[in-house]
Amino acid sequence: MKQESSIYHQSKSAIELEHDIVEKAKKNVRDFAPIYKKYHAPILQFVYLRLDDKDLAIDVAQQVFLKAIENLQKYEFRGLPFSSWLYRIAINELNQLFRKNKKMRTINLNESITSDLIHEMEDEEFALHKERLAIILKKISAAEFQLIEMRFFEKRPFVEIGELLDITENNAKVKTYRVIQKLKILFKAEAV
């Protein structure tokens, strides 16, 4: 398995330092500024990749931070970066937007994303027909796509995926590999 890289892999001291900042922000909202500065760009990018509309992405990202500040007192430190909680809020905001506006989800594929996913599917035939991948990804459910997106597009470790989706790390692995199996089946069916 490839070495995983993510904001999640911060050193323990960095996570604890961030926790201290969050605790200060709970007492005085002005102390939230360092967190906002650190995570605004990544959250905006996360949202933009799913919407492909800059103005709407800015609005949703702002809503994420507004909800974070409004609910900061409810935040509980679980040994994970504060960003996991912010991404969970972002996912909820995006899902609410998609339900409300029936907006189609945007799929932004690049060479490294398709290569990683095809490598995981472990079949030479997939590498020859990468263009079919976008078509097949549109055939899976939003929940299934979200797993693929987090694992292969964002390179998140399973423990963080589990935290974001409020499931166990093992459940995140099982669900992700089930989606990969489904993609293999859809890929072969598309070839017929």
N, C-alpha and C. Protein backbone atom coordinates (compact mmCIF):
# COMPACT_ATOMS: atom_id res chain seq x y z
N MET A 1 0.86 -1.18 0.00
CA MET A 1 0.00 0.00 0.00
C MET A 1 0.90 1.23 0.00
N LYS A 2 0.50 2.24 -0.72
CA LYS A 2 1.27 3.48 -0.81
C LYS A 2 1.32 4.17 0.54
N GLN A 3 2.37 4.93 0.74
CA GLN A 3 2.45 5.75 1.94
C GLN A 3 1.42 6.85 1.83
N GLU A 4 0.62 7.03 2.86
CA GLU A 4 -0.47 8.01 2.82
C GLU A 4 0.03 9.36 3.29
N SER A 5 -0.43 10.44 2.61
CA SER A 5 -0.07 11.79 3.03
C SER A 5 -1.32 12.61 3.18
N SER A 6 -1.35 13.42 4.24
CA SER A 6 -2.54 14.20 4.51
C SER A 6 -2.24 15.15 5.65
N ILE A 7 -3.11 16.12 5.82
CA ILE A 7 -3.02 16.99 6.98
C ILE A 7 -3.13 16.14 8.24
N TYR A 8 -3.78 14.97 8.11
CA TYR A 8 -3.99 14.09 9.25
C TYR A 8 -2.68 13.67 9.90
N HIS A 9 -1.62 13.56 9.10
CA HIS A 9 -0.35 13.06 9.61
C HIS A 9 0.50 14.16 10.24
N GLN A 10 -0.11 15.00 11.03
CA GLN A 10 0.62 16.00 11.78
C GLN A 10 1.27 15.31 12.97
N SER A 11 2.33 15.90 13.48
CA SER A 11 2.94 15.33 14.67
C SER A 11 1.98 15.50 15.84
N LYS A 12 2.16 14.68 16.84
CA LYS A 12 1.29 14.74 18.01
C LYS A 12 1.33 16.13 18.64
N SER A 13 2.50 16.73 18.70
CA SER A 13 2.61 18.05 19.32
C SER A 13 1.86 19.11 18.51
N ALA A 14 1.85 18.99 17.19
CA ALA A 14 1.11 19.95 16.36
C ALA A 14 -0.39 19.81 16.59
N ILE A 15 -0.87 18.59 16.74
CA ILE A 15 -2.29 18.35 17.00
C ILE A 15 -2.65 18.91 18.37
N GLU A 16 -1.81 18.68 19.35
CA GLU A 16 -2.07 19.19 20.70
C GLU A 16 -2.02 20.72 20.72
N LEU A 17 -1.09 21.31 20.00
CA LEU A 17 -1.00 22.76 19.91
C LEU A 17 -2.28 23.32 19.29
N GLU A 18 -2.73 22.69 18.24
CA GLU A 18 -3.98 23.10 17.60
C GLU A 18 -5.15 22.97 18.56
N HIS A 19 -5.16 21.91 19.32
CA HIS A 19 -6.23 21.71 20.32
C HIS A 19 -6.24 22.86 21.33
N ASP A 20 -5.07 23.29 21.74
CA ASP A 20 -4.97 24.43 22.68
C ASP A 20 -5.58 25.69 22.06
N ILE A 21 -5.32 25.90 20.78
CA ILE A 21 -5.88 27.07 20.08
C ILE A 21 -7.40 26.97 20.03
N VAL A 22 -7.91 25.79 19.76
CA VAL A 22 -9.36 25.57 19.72
C VAL A 22 -9.97 25.85 21.09
N GLU A 23 -9.32 25.39 22.13
CA GLU A 23 -9.84 25.63 23.48
C GLU A 23 -9.86 27.12 23.81
N LYS A 24 -8.85 27.86 23.36
CA LYS A 24 -8.84 29.32 23.55
C LYS A 24 -9.99 29.95 22.77
N ALA A 25 -10.20 29.47 21.54
CA ALA A 25 -11.27 30.01 20.69
C ALA A 25 -12.64 29.75 21.29
N LYS A 26 -12.79 28.67 22.04
CA LYS A 26 -14.07 28.39 22.71
C LYS A 26 -14.39 29.50 23.73
N LYS A 27 -13.34 30.06 24.30
CA LYS A 27 -13.51 31.12 25.31
C LYS A 27 -13.64 32.49 24.67
N ASN A 28 -12.93 32.70 23.54
CA ASN A 28 -12.96 33.99 22.85
C ASN A 28 -12.86 33.73 21.35
N VAL A 29 -13.92 34.03 20.64
CA VAL A 29 -14.00 33.72 19.21
C VAL A 29 -12.88 34.37 18.39
N ARG A 30 -12.31 35.45 18.88
CA ARG A 30 -11.20 36.10 18.16
C ARG A 30 -9.99 35.18 18.05
N ASP A 31 -9.87 34.24 18.97
CA ASP A 31 -8.75 33.30 18.94
C ASP A 31 -8.94 32.20 17.88
N PHE A 32 -10.04 32.25 17.15
CA PHE A 32 -10.30 31.31 16.06
C PHE A 32 -9.51 31.69 14.80
N ALA A 33 -9.01 32.91 14.73
CA ALA A 33 -8.33 33.43 13.54
C ALA A 33 -7.20 32.54 13.03
N PRO A 34 -6.30 32.01 13.88
CA PRO A 34 -5.23 31.16 13.34
C PRO A 34 -5.76 29.89 12.66
N ILE A 35 -6.83 29.35 13.19
CA ILE A 35 -7.43 28.16 12.59
C ILE A 35 -8.04 28.52 11.24
N TYR A 36 -8.74 29.62 11.20
CA TYR A 36 -9.33 30.08 9.94
C TYR A 36 -8.24 30.30 8.89
N LYS A 37 -7.17 30.97 9.27
CA LYS A 37 -6.08 31.23 8.33
C LYS A 37 -5.44 29.93 7.84
N LYS A 38 -5.30 28.97 8.71
CA LYS A 38 -4.67 27.70 8.35
C LYS A 38 -5.53 26.85 7.43
N TYR A 39 -6.84 26.84 7.67
CA TYR A 39 -7.71 25.89 6.96
C TYR A 39 -8.63 26.50 5.92
N HIS A 40 -8.67 27.81 5.79
CA HIS A 40 -9.58 28.40 4.82
C HIS A 40 -9.27 27.93 3.40
N ALA A 41 -8.03 28.03 2.98
CA ALA A 41 -7.66 27.64 1.61
C ALA A 41 -7.91 26.14 1.35
N PRO A 42 -7.52 25.23 2.24
CA PRO A 42 -7.80 23.81 1.99
C PRO A 42 -9.30 23.49 1.93
N ILE A 43 -10.08 24.11 2.81
CA ILE A 43 -11.53 23.87 2.80
C ILE A 43 -12.14 24.44 1.52
N LEU A 44 -11.72 25.62 1.13
CA LEU A 44 -12.21 26.22 -0.12
C LEU A 44 -11.88 25.32 -1.31
N GLN A 45 -10.67 24.81 -1.36
CA GLN A 45 -10.26 23.91 -2.45
C GLN A 45 -11.10 22.64 -2.44
N PHE A 46 -11.33 22.08 -1.26
CA PHE A 46 -12.14 20.88 -1.10
C PHE A 46 -13.55 21.10 -1.66
N VAL A 47 -14.14 22.23 -1.34
CA VAL A 47 -15.49 22.56 -1.80
C VAL A 47 -15.48 22.85 -3.30
N TYR A 48 -14.51 23.62 -3.76
CA TYR A 48 -14.46 24.01 -5.17
C TYR A 48 -14.34 22.80 -6.10
N LEU A 49 -13.56 21.80 -5.70
CA LEU A 49 -13.40 20.60 -6.53
C LEU A 49 -14.71 19.85 -6.71
N ARG A 50 -15.65 20.06 -5.81
CA ARG A 50 -16.93 19.38 -5.90
C ARG A 50 -18.01 20.22 -6.58
N LEU A 51 -17.77 21.51 -6.72
CA LEU A 51 -18.77 22.39 -7.29
C LEU A 51 -18.36 22.97 -8.64
N ASP A 52 -17.09 23.24 -8.82
CA ASP A 52 -16.57 23.85 -10.04
C ASP A 52 -17.23 25.21 -10.31
N ASP A 53 -17.61 25.90 -9.25
CA ASP A 53 -18.21 27.23 -9.32
C ASP A 53 -17.56 28.04 -8.19
N LYS A 54 -16.66 28.96 -8.56
CA LYS A 54 -15.86 29.67 -7.57
C LYS A 54 -16.71 30.46 -6.57
N ASP A 55 -17.68 31.22 -7.05
CA ASP A 55 -18.50 32.03 -6.16
C ASP A 55 -19.30 31.17 -5.18
N LEU A 56 -19.88 30.10 -5.69
CA LEU A 56 -20.64 29.20 -4.82
C LEU A 56 -19.71 28.50 -3.82
N ALA A 57 -18.53 28.13 -4.27
CA ALA A 57 -17.56 27.49 -3.39
C ALA A 57 -17.15 28.42 -2.25
N ILE A 58 -16.96 29.70 -2.56
CA ILE A 58 -16.61 30.68 -1.53
C ILE A 58 -17.74 30.79 -0.51
N ASP A 59 -18.97 30.84 -1.00
CA ASP A 59 -20.13 30.91 -0.10
C ASP A 59 -20.21 29.69 0.82
N VAL A 60 -20.03 28.51 0.24
CA VAL A 60 -20.12 27.28 1.03
C VAL A 60 -18.97 27.22 2.05
N ALA A 61 -17.78 27.58 1.63
CA ALA A 61 -16.64 27.57 2.56
C ALA A 61 -16.87 28.53 3.72
N GLN A 62 -17.42 29.69 3.43
CA GLN A 62 -17.74 30.64 4.50
C GLN A 62 -18.78 30.06 5.45
N GLN A 63 -19.75 29.36 4.89
CA GLN A 63 -20.78 28.72 5.70
C GLN A 63 -20.16 27.66 6.62
N VAL A 64 -19.16 26.94 6.11
CA VAL A 64 -18.47 25.93 6.92
C VAL A 64 -17.85 26.58 8.15
N PHE A 65 -17.16 27.70 7.96
CA PHE A 65 -16.51 28.35 9.09
C PHE A 65 -17.51 29.02 10.02
N LEU A 66 -18.58 29.52 9.47
CA LEU A 66 -19.63 30.09 10.31
C LEU A 66 -20.23 29.00 11.21
N LYS A 67 -20.53 27.84 10.63
CA LYS A 67 -21.08 26.73 11.42
C LYS A 67 -20.06 26.24 12.45
N ALA A 68 -18.78 26.23 12.06
CA ALA A 68 -17.74 25.80 13.00
C ALA A 68 -17.70 26.73 14.20
N ILE A 69 -17.75 28.03 13.96
CA ILE A 69 -17.73 28.99 15.07
C ILE A 69 -18.99 28.86 15.92
N GLU A 70 -20.15 28.72 15.26
CA GLU A 70 -21.41 28.59 16.00
C GLU A 70 -21.45 27.34 16.86
N ASN A 71 -20.78 26.27 16.42
CA ASN A 71 -20.84 24.99 17.12
C ASN A 71 -19.54 24.63 17.83
N LEU A 72 -18.65 25.57 17.96
CA LEU A 72 -17.34 25.32 18.55
C LEU A 72 -17.44 24.73 19.95
N GLN A 73 -18.42 25.17 20.71
CA GLN A 73 -18.58 24.66 22.08
C GLN A 73 -18.89 23.15 22.09
N LYS A 74 -19.46 22.65 21.00
CA LYS A 74 -19.81 21.23 20.91
C LYS A 74 -18.64 20.36 20.46
N TYR A 75 -17.59 20.99 19.93
CA TYR A 75 -16.43 20.24 19.44
C TYR A 75 -15.75 19.51 20.58
N GLU A 76 -15.45 18.22 20.35
CA GLU A 76 -14.75 17.41 21.33
C GLU A 76 -13.46 16.90 20.70
N PHE A 77 -12.37 17.10 21.38
CA PHE A 77 -11.07 16.63 20.90
C PHE A 77 -11.01 15.12 21.01
N ARG A 78 -10.66 14.44 19.89
CA ARG A 78 -10.57 12.98 19.86
C ARG A 78 -9.17 12.52 19.43
N GLY A 79 -8.21 13.42 19.54
CA GLY A 79 -6.85 13.06 19.16
C GLY A 79 -6.57 13.24 17.67
N LEU A 80 -7.54 13.75 16.93
CA LEU A 80 -7.39 13.97 15.50
C LEU A 80 -7.27 15.47 15.23
N PRO A 81 -6.73 15.84 14.08
CA PRO A 81 -6.64 17.26 13.76
C PRO A 81 -8.02 17.91 13.72
N PHE A 82 -8.07 19.17 14.06
CA PHE A 82 -9.32 19.93 14.02
C PHE A 82 -9.89 19.94 12.60
N SER A 83 -9.00 19.82 11.62
CA SER A 83 -9.44 19.83 10.22
C SER A 83 -10.45 18.71 9.93
N SER A 84 -10.33 17.57 10.60
CA SER A 84 -11.30 16.48 10.38
C SER A 84 -12.71 16.95 10.67
N TRP A 85 -12.87 17.72 11.73
CA TRP A 85 -14.19 18.25 12.09
C TRP A 85 -14.65 19.26 11.04
N LEU A 86 -13.74 20.11 10.57
CA LEU A 86 -14.09 21.09 9.53
C LEU A 86 -14.50 20.40 8.23
N TYR A 87 -13.78 19.37 7.85
CA TYR A 87 -14.13 18.64 6.62
C TYR A 87 -15.48 17.94 6.76
N ARG A 88 -15.78 17.46 7.95
CA ARG A 88 -17.09 16.84 8.16
C ARG A 88 -18.20 17.88 7.98
N ILE A 89 -17.99 19.08 8.49
CA ILE A 89 -18.96 20.16 8.30
C ILE A 89 -19.08 20.48 6.81
N ALA A 90 -17.95 20.53 6.11
CA ALA A 90 -17.96 20.83 4.67
C ALA A 90 -18.73 19.76 3.89
N ILE A 91 -18.52 18.51 4.23
CA ILE A 91 -19.25 17.43 3.57
C ILE A 91 -20.74 17.58 3.79
N ASN A 92 -21.14 17.89 5.02
CA ASN A 92 -22.56 18.08 5.33
C ASN A 92 -23.15 19.26 4.56
N GLU A 93 -22.40 20.35 4.48
CA GLU A 93 -22.87 21.53 3.74
C GLU A 93 -23.03 21.21 2.25
N LEU A 94 -22.08 20.49 1.70
CA LEU A 94 -22.16 20.12 0.28
C LEU A 94 -23.35 19.19 0.03
N ASN A 95 -23.51 18.19 0.90
CA ASN A 95 -24.64 17.27 0.74
C ASN A 95 -25.97 18.00 0.83
N GLN A 96 -26.06 18.95 1.75
CA GLN A 96 -27.28 19.75 1.88
C GLN A 96 -27.51 20.56 0.60
N LEU A 97 -26.47 21.14 0.06
CA LEU A 97 -26.58 21.91 -1.18
C LEU A 97 -27.02 21.04 -2.34
N PHE A 98 -26.44 19.85 -2.46
CA PHE A 98 -26.80 18.94 -3.55
C PHE A 98 -28.26 18.50 -3.43
N ARG A 99 -28.71 18.24 -2.20
CA ARG A 99 -30.12 17.86 -2.00
C ARG A 99 -31.05 19.02 -2.33
N LYS A 100 -30.70 20.20 -1.87
CA LYS A 100 -31.54 21.38 -2.04
C LYS A 100 -31.64 21.81 -3.50
N ASN A 101 -30.51 21.84 -4.18
CA ASN A 101 -30.47 22.35 -5.55
C ASN A 101 -30.46 21.26 -6.60
N LYS A 102 -30.43 20.00 -6.18
CA LYS A 102 -30.36 18.88 -7.11
C LYS A 102 -29.21 19.10 -8.10
N LYS A 103 -28.18 19.78 -7.63
CA LYS A 103 -27.01 20.10 -8.46
C LYS A 103 -26.19 18.83 -8.69
N MET A 104 -25.74 18.67 -9.92
CA MET A 104 -24.89 17.53 -10.24
C MET A 104 -23.52 17.74 -9.63
N ARG A 105 -22.98 16.70 -9.10
CA ARG A 105 -21.64 16.72 -8.51
C ARG A 105 -20.62 16.80 -9.63
N THR A 106 -19.58 17.59 -9.43
CA THR A 106 -18.52 17.75 -10.40
C THR A 106 -17.43 16.72 -10.11
N ILE A 107 -16.92 16.10 -11.17
CA ILE A 107 -15.82 15.16 -11.03
C ILE A 107 -14.63 15.75 -11.78
N ASN A 108 -13.59 16.12 -11.04
CA ASN A 108 -12.37 16.65 -11.63
C ASN A 108 -11.31 15.56 -11.57
N LEU A 109 -10.98 14.99 -12.72
CA LEU A 109 -9.98 13.92 -12.78
C LEU A 109 -8.69 14.46 -13.36
N ASN A 110 -7.58 13.97 -12.82
CA ASN A 110 -6.29 14.26 -13.44
C ASN A 110 -5.51 12.96 -13.54
N GLU A 111 -4.36 13.00 -14.14
CA GLU A 111 -3.58 11.80 -14.41
C GLU A 111 -3.22 11.03 -13.14
N SER A 112 -2.80 11.72 -12.09
CA SER A 112 -2.40 11.01 -10.87
C SER A 112 -3.59 10.34 -10.19
N ILE A 113 -4.75 11.00 -10.22
CA ILE A 113 -5.95 10.41 -9.62
C ILE A 113 -6.33 9.13 -10.35
N THR A 114 -6.42 9.21 -11.68
CA THR A 114 -6.81 8.03 -12.43
C THR A 114 -5.77 6.93 -12.30
N SER A 115 -4.49 7.27 -12.28
CA SER A 115 -3.44 6.26 -12.15
C SER A 115 -3.53 5.54 -10.82
N ASP A 116 -3.74 6.27 -9.73
CA ASP A 116 -3.85 5.65 -8.40
C ASP A 116 -5.06 4.72 -8.33
N LEU A 117 -6.18 5.18 -8.83
CA LEU A 117 -7.40 4.37 -8.78
C LEU A 117 -7.27 3.14 -9.67
N ILE A 118 -6.75 3.31 -10.85
CA ILE A 118 -6.57 2.18 -11.77
C ILE A 118 -5.56 1.20 -11.20
N HIS A 119 -4.50 1.71 -10.59
CA HIS A 119 -3.52 0.83 -9.94
C HIS A 119 -4.20 -0.01 -8.86
N GLU A 120 -5.07 0.58 -8.09
CA GLU A 120 -5.78 -0.13 -7.03
C GLU A 120 -6.72 -1.18 -7.61
N MET A 121 -7.24 -0.93 -8.80
CA MET A 121 -8.15 -1.88 -9.44
C MET A 121 -7.39 -3.09 -9.99
N GLU A 122 -6.06 -2.99 -10.10
CA GLU A 122 -5.17 -4.10 -10.42
C GLU A 122 -5.54 -4.85 -11.70
N ASP A 123 -5.69 -4.14 -12.79
CA ASP A 123 -5.98 -4.79 -14.06
C ASP A 123 -5.42 -3.93 -15.18
N GLU A 124 -4.64 -4.54 -16.04
CA GLU A 124 -4.00 -3.82 -17.15
C GLU A 124 -5.03 -3.21 -18.10
N GLU A 125 -6.18 -3.86 -18.25
CA GLU A 125 -7.21 -3.38 -19.18
C GLU A 125 -7.70 -1.98 -18.79
N PHE A 126 -7.77 -1.71 -17.49
CA PHE A 126 -8.24 -0.41 -17.03
C PHE A 126 -7.29 0.70 -17.47
N ALA A 127 -6.01 0.43 -17.44
CA ALA A 127 -5.01 1.44 -17.81
C ALA A 127 -5.15 1.84 -19.28
N LEU A 128 -5.63 0.94 -20.11
CA LEU A 128 -5.78 1.23 -21.53
C LEU A 128 -7.01 2.07 -21.84
N HIS A 129 -7.96 2.13 -20.91
CA HIS A 129 -9.23 2.83 -21.16
C HIS A 129 -9.57 3.79 -20.03
N LYS A 130 -8.64 4.65 -19.70
CA LYS A 130 -8.83 5.60 -18.59
C LYS A 130 -10.02 6.53 -18.82
N GLU A 131 -10.30 6.86 -20.07
CA GLU A 131 -11.40 7.80 -20.34
C GLU A 131 -12.75 7.25 -19.90
N ARG A 132 -12.86 5.93 -19.81
CA ARG A 132 -14.12 5.34 -19.35
C ARG A 132 -14.33 5.51 -17.86
N LEU A 133 -13.27 5.80 -17.14
CA LEU A 133 -13.37 5.92 -15.69
C LEU A 133 -14.35 7.01 -15.28
N ALA A 134 -14.30 8.17 -15.92
CA ALA A 134 -15.22 9.26 -15.58
C ALA A 134 -16.67 8.84 -15.82
N ILE A 135 -16.92 8.11 -16.87
CA ILE A 135 -18.27 7.63 -17.18
C ILE A 135 -18.74 6.67 -16.09
N ILE A 136 -17.87 5.78 -15.69
CA ILE A 136 -18.22 4.78 -14.68
C ILE A 136 -18.42 5.42 -13.31
N LEU A 137 -17.59 6.41 -12.98
CA LEU A 137 -17.73 7.07 -11.68
C LEU A 137 -19.09 7.76 -11.54
N LYS A 138 -19.68 8.17 -12.64
CA LYS A 138 -21.00 8.81 -12.59
C LYS A 138 -22.11 7.80 -12.31
N LYS A 139 -21.80 6.51 -12.41
CA LYS A 139 -22.80 5.47 -12.22
C LYS A 139 -22.89 4.97 -10.77
N ILE A 140 -21.97 5.39 -9.94
CA ILE A 140 -22.03 4.95 -8.54
C ILE A 140 -22.76 6.00 -7.71
N SER A 141 -23.20 5.60 -6.54
CA SER A 141 -23.96 6.51 -5.68
C SER A 141 -23.05 7.62 -5.13
N ALA A 142 -23.66 8.65 -4.62
CA ALA A 142 -22.91 9.78 -4.04
C ALA A 142 -22.07 9.30 -2.86
N ALA A 143 -22.61 8.41 -2.04
CA ALA A 143 -21.86 7.89 -0.88
C ALA A 143 -20.66 7.06 -1.33
N GLU A 144 -20.85 6.26 -2.38
CA GLU A 144 -19.74 5.47 -2.91
C GLU A 144 -18.68 6.37 -3.52
N PHE A 145 -19.12 7.36 -4.26
CA PHE A 145 -18.18 8.29 -4.88
C PHE A 145 -17.39 9.05 -3.82
N GLN A 146 -18.05 9.39 -2.74
CA GLN A 146 -17.39 10.12 -1.66
C GLN A 146 -16.22 9.31 -1.09
N LEU A 147 -16.39 8.01 -0.95
CA LEU A 147 -15.29 7.15 -0.47
C LEU A 147 -14.12 7.17 -1.44
N ILE A 148 -14.41 7.01 -2.73
CA ILE A 148 -13.36 7.02 -3.76
C ILE A 148 -12.66 8.38 -3.77
N GLU A 149 -13.45 9.40 -3.68
CA GLU A 149 -12.94 10.77 -3.69
C GLU A 149 -11.95 10.99 -2.54
N MET A 150 -12.35 10.62 -1.34
CA MET A 150 -11.50 10.85 -0.18
C MET A 150 -10.23 10.00 -0.22
N ARG A 151 -10.38 8.76 -0.65
CA ARG A 151 -9.23 7.85 -0.64
C ARG A 151 -8.23 8.14 -1.77
N PHE A 152 -8.74 8.33 -2.97
CA PHE A 152 -7.85 8.43 -4.12
C PHE A 152 -7.62 9.85 -4.61
N PHE A 153 -8.61 10.71 -4.50
CA PHE A 153 -8.45 12.08 -4.97
C PHE A 153 -7.74 12.92 -3.91
N GLU A 154 -8.12 12.72 -2.66
CA GLU A 154 -7.57 13.53 -1.57
C GLU A 154 -6.48 12.81 -0.79
N LYS A 155 -6.27 11.53 -1.09
CA LYS A 155 -5.21 10.73 -0.45
C LYS A 155 -5.36 10.66 1.07
N ARG A 156 -6.58 10.53 1.53
CA ARG A 156 -6.82 10.47 2.98
C ARG A 156 -6.60 9.04 3.48
N PRO A 157 -6.03 8.90 4.67
CA PRO A 157 -5.91 7.56 5.28
C PRO A 157 -7.28 7.08 5.73
N PHE A 158 -7.41 5.76 5.84
CA PHE A 158 -8.70 5.19 6.22
C PHE A 158 -9.18 5.66 7.59
N VAL A 159 -8.26 5.88 8.51
CA VAL A 159 -8.68 6.34 9.84
C VAL A 159 -9.35 7.71 9.73
N GLU A 160 -8.84 8.58 8.88
CA GLU A 160 -9.45 9.90 8.72
C GLU A 160 -10.78 9.81 7.97
N ILE A 161 -10.85 8.93 6.97
CA ILE A 161 -12.11 8.73 6.25
C ILE A 161 -13.18 8.26 7.24
N GLY A 162 -12.80 7.32 8.09
CA GLY A 162 -13.73 6.84 9.11
C GLY A 162 -14.21 7.96 10.01
N GLU A 163 -13.29 8.81 10.43
CA GLU A 163 -13.65 9.94 11.30
C GLU A 163 -14.59 10.90 10.57
N LEU A 164 -14.29 11.20 9.32
CA LEU A 164 -15.12 12.14 8.57
C LEU A 164 -16.52 11.61 8.33
N LEU A 165 -16.63 10.30 8.11
CA LEU A 165 -17.93 9.70 7.82
C LEU A 165 -18.60 9.10 9.05
N ASP A 166 -17.94 9.23 10.20
CA ASP A 166 -18.46 8.72 11.46
C ASP A 166 -18.66 7.19 11.39
N ILE A 167 -17.64 6.50 10.86
CA ILE A 167 -17.62 5.04 10.81
C ILE A 167 -16.23 4.61 11.30
N THR A 168 -16.06 3.32 11.52
CA THR A 168 -14.76 2.83 11.97
C THR A 168 -13.77 2.83 10.81
N GLU A 169 -12.49 2.79 11.16
CA GLU A 169 -11.44 2.71 10.14
C GLU A 169 -11.63 1.45 9.29
N ASN A 170 -11.91 0.32 9.94
CA ASN A 170 -12.10 -0.93 9.23
C ASN A 170 -13.30 -0.86 8.29
N ASN A 171 -14.38 -0.24 8.75
CA ASN A 171 -15.57 -0.09 7.91
C ASN A 171 -15.27 0.78 6.70
N ALA A 172 -14.44 1.81 6.89
CA ALA A 172 -14.04 2.67 5.76
C ALA A 172 -13.27 1.85 4.73
N LYS A 173 -12.39 0.95 5.19
CA LYS A 173 -11.63 0.09 4.28
C LYS A 173 -12.56 -0.84 3.51
N VAL A 174 -13.41 -1.52 4.26
CA VAL A 174 -14.33 -2.49 3.64
C VAL A 174 -15.21 -1.82 2.60
N LYS A 175 -15.80 -0.68 2.97
CA LYS A 175 -16.69 0.02 2.04
C LYS A 175 -15.94 0.50 0.80
N THR A 176 -14.73 1.00 0.99
CA THR A 176 -13.94 1.48 -0.15
C THR A 176 -13.62 0.34 -1.10
N TYR A 177 -13.19 -0.79 -0.58
CA TYR A 177 -12.85 -1.91 -1.45
C TYR A 177 -14.07 -2.54 -2.10
N ARG A 178 -15.21 -2.43 -1.47
CA ARG A 178 -16.45 -2.87 -2.13
C ARG A 178 -16.77 -1.97 -3.33
N VAL A 179 -16.54 -0.68 -3.16
CA VAL A 179 -16.77 0.24 -4.28
C VAL A 179 -15.78 -0.05 -5.41
N ILE A 180 -14.56 -0.36 -5.07
CA ILE A 180 -13.57 -0.70 -6.11
C ILE A 180 -14.03 -1.94 -6.86
N GLN A 181 -14.53 -2.94 -6.15
CA GLN A 181 -15.06 -4.14 -6.81
C GLN A 181 -16.22 -3.78 -7.74
N LYS A 182 -17.10 -2.91 -7.28
CA LYS A 182 -18.23 -2.47 -8.09
C LYS A 182 -17.74 -1.75 -9.35
N LEU A 183 -16.70 -0.91 -9.19
CA LEU A 183 -16.14 -0.21 -10.34
C LEU A 183 -15.57 -1.19 -11.36
N LYS A 184 -14.93 -2.24 -10.87
CA LYS A 184 -14.39 -3.27 -11.78
C LYS A 184 -15.52 -3.91 -12.59
N ILE A 185 -16.61 -4.23 -11.91
CA ILE A 185 -17.75 -4.86 -12.58
C ILE A 185 -18.35 -3.91 -13.61
N LEU A 186 -18.54 -2.65 -13.21
CA LEU A 186 -19.09 -1.64 -14.14
C LEU A 186 -18.15 -1.40 -15.31
N PHE A 187 -16.86 -1.41 -15.05
CA PHE A 187 -15.87 -1.20 -16.11
C PHE A 187 -15.96 -2.30 -17.16
N LYS A 188 -16.05 -3.54 -16.68
CA LYS A 188 -16.14 -4.68 -17.60
C LYS A 188 -17.47 -4.69 -18.35
N ALA A 189 -18.55 -4.29 -17.67
CA ALA A 189 -19.86 -4.22 -18.33
C ALA A 189 -19.88 -3.15 -19.39
N GLU A 190 -19.19 -2.05 -19.15
CA GLU A 190 -19.12 -0.93 -20.10
C GLU A 190 -18.36 -1.33 -21.37
N ALA A 191 -17.44 -2.29 -21.22
CA ALA A 191 -16.63 -2.72 -22.35
C ALA A 191 -17.42 -3.58 -23.33
N VAL A 192 -18.51 -4.17 -22.86
CA VAL A 192 -19.31 -5.07 -23.69
C VAL A 192 -20.16 -4.32 -24.69
